[in-house]
Each structure stands twice: as C-alpha cells, then as structure tokens.
Protein backbone atom coordinates (compact mmCIF):
# COMPACT_ATOMS: atom_id res chain seq x y z
CA MET A 1 -0.10 0.06 -0.14
CA GLU A 2 1.31 3.30 -0.65
CA LYS A 3 1.86 5.79 2.49
CA PRO A 4 2.73 9.52 2.23
CA VAL A 5 6.11 11.05 2.13
CA ILE A 6 6.30 14.73 3.28
CA ASP A 7 9.34 16.64 1.99
CA LYS A 8 10.34 18.83 4.55
CA GLU A 9 11.65 21.21 2.52
CA LEU A 10 8.72 21.98 0.79
CA CYS A 11 6.41 21.28 3.54
CA THR A 12 5.74 25.35 4.82
CA GLY A 13 3.60 24.18 7.26
CA CYS A 14 -0.08 25.02 6.39
CA GLU A 15 -2.15 22.00 7.98
CA ILE A 16 -4.06 21.69 5.26
CA CYS A 17 -3.02 17.84 4.74
CA ILE A 18 -3.99 17.48 8.49
CA ASP A 19 -7.33 18.07 8.30
CA GLU A 20 -7.67 16.26 4.79
CA CYS A 21 -6.68 12.89 6.51
CA PRO A 22 -9.87 10.97 7.47
CA ASN A 23 -8.01 8.84 9.92
CA ASN A 24 -5.81 11.58 11.49
CA ALA A 25 -2.94 9.77 10.63
CA LEU A 26 -0.66 13.23 10.08
CA GLU A 27 0.46 15.14 12.71
CA MET A 28 2.31 18.93 12.89
CA VAL A 29 6.02 18.10 14.31
CA ASP A 30 8.60 20.81 14.43
CA ASP A 31 5.84 23.18 12.42
CA ILE A 32 6.21 20.16 9.52
CA ALA A 33 3.66 17.61 8.75
CA GLU A 34 4.67 14.30 9.92
CA LEU A 35 3.08 10.62 9.39
CA VAL A 36 2.59 10.07 12.89
CA ARG A 37 0.60 7.37 12.43
CA PRO A 38 1.10 4.83 9.80
CA GLU A 39 -0.76 1.79 10.66
CA ASP A 40 -3.56 4.48 10.81
CA CYS A 41 -3.44 5.77 6.49
CA ASP A 42 -5.74 4.41 4.09
CA GLY A 43 -3.42 5.24 1.22
CA LYS A 44 -5.87 6.73 -0.59
CA GLY A 45 -3.83 10.12 -0.92
CA GLU A 46 -5.91 12.35 0.04
CA CYS A 47 -3.60 14.73 1.74
CA ALA A 48 -1.30 14.79 -1.30
CA GLU A 49 -3.85 15.57 -3.22
CA ALA A 50 -4.76 18.68 -0.80
CA CYS A 51 -1.06 19.96 -0.38
CA PRO A 52 -1.17 23.57 -2.30
CA SER A 53 3.29 23.13 -2.19
CA GLU A 54 3.22 19.36 -3.67
CA ALA A 55 5.69 18.20 -0.59
CA ILE A 56 3.32 14.70 -0.18
CA THR A 57 3.93 11.88 -2.70
CA MET A 58 2.16 8.38 -2.09
CA GLU A 59 5.08 6.18 -2.24
CA GLU A 60 4.85 2.02 -2.12
CA GLU A 61 5.99 0.79 1.58
C-alpha cells in the first residue's frame, strides 16, 4: 500500500493535509507535517491531493 512521504523542504506547515486526512494519521511536528500513525493511513492520498506546495507524494511502503 502507498503511504505519504513528506518533503520537509517543501512543506510550509499550512496543516491542510492534516485537515484532509480522514484517519488522523498526520500531525505537525516542529511546524512540519509528519506521518505519525502509518498504521492508520488508508493510502488513498487525500493529503497529497490537498497539499498546495506539492510536498507530499504517495509511495509504496
């Protein structure tokens, strides 16, 4: 299954991805989005689609 990978250089800390994640798998850590509960991620990529800075890509585990 694919999981989000967050480019810390591109992440602006807007928190849109966190709001879009239906499973609360993402959280802000030091003002950067991070996948803190990968077991809760459904792999559908709502976070990546919503990211305005294109900092999130979906990649195979």
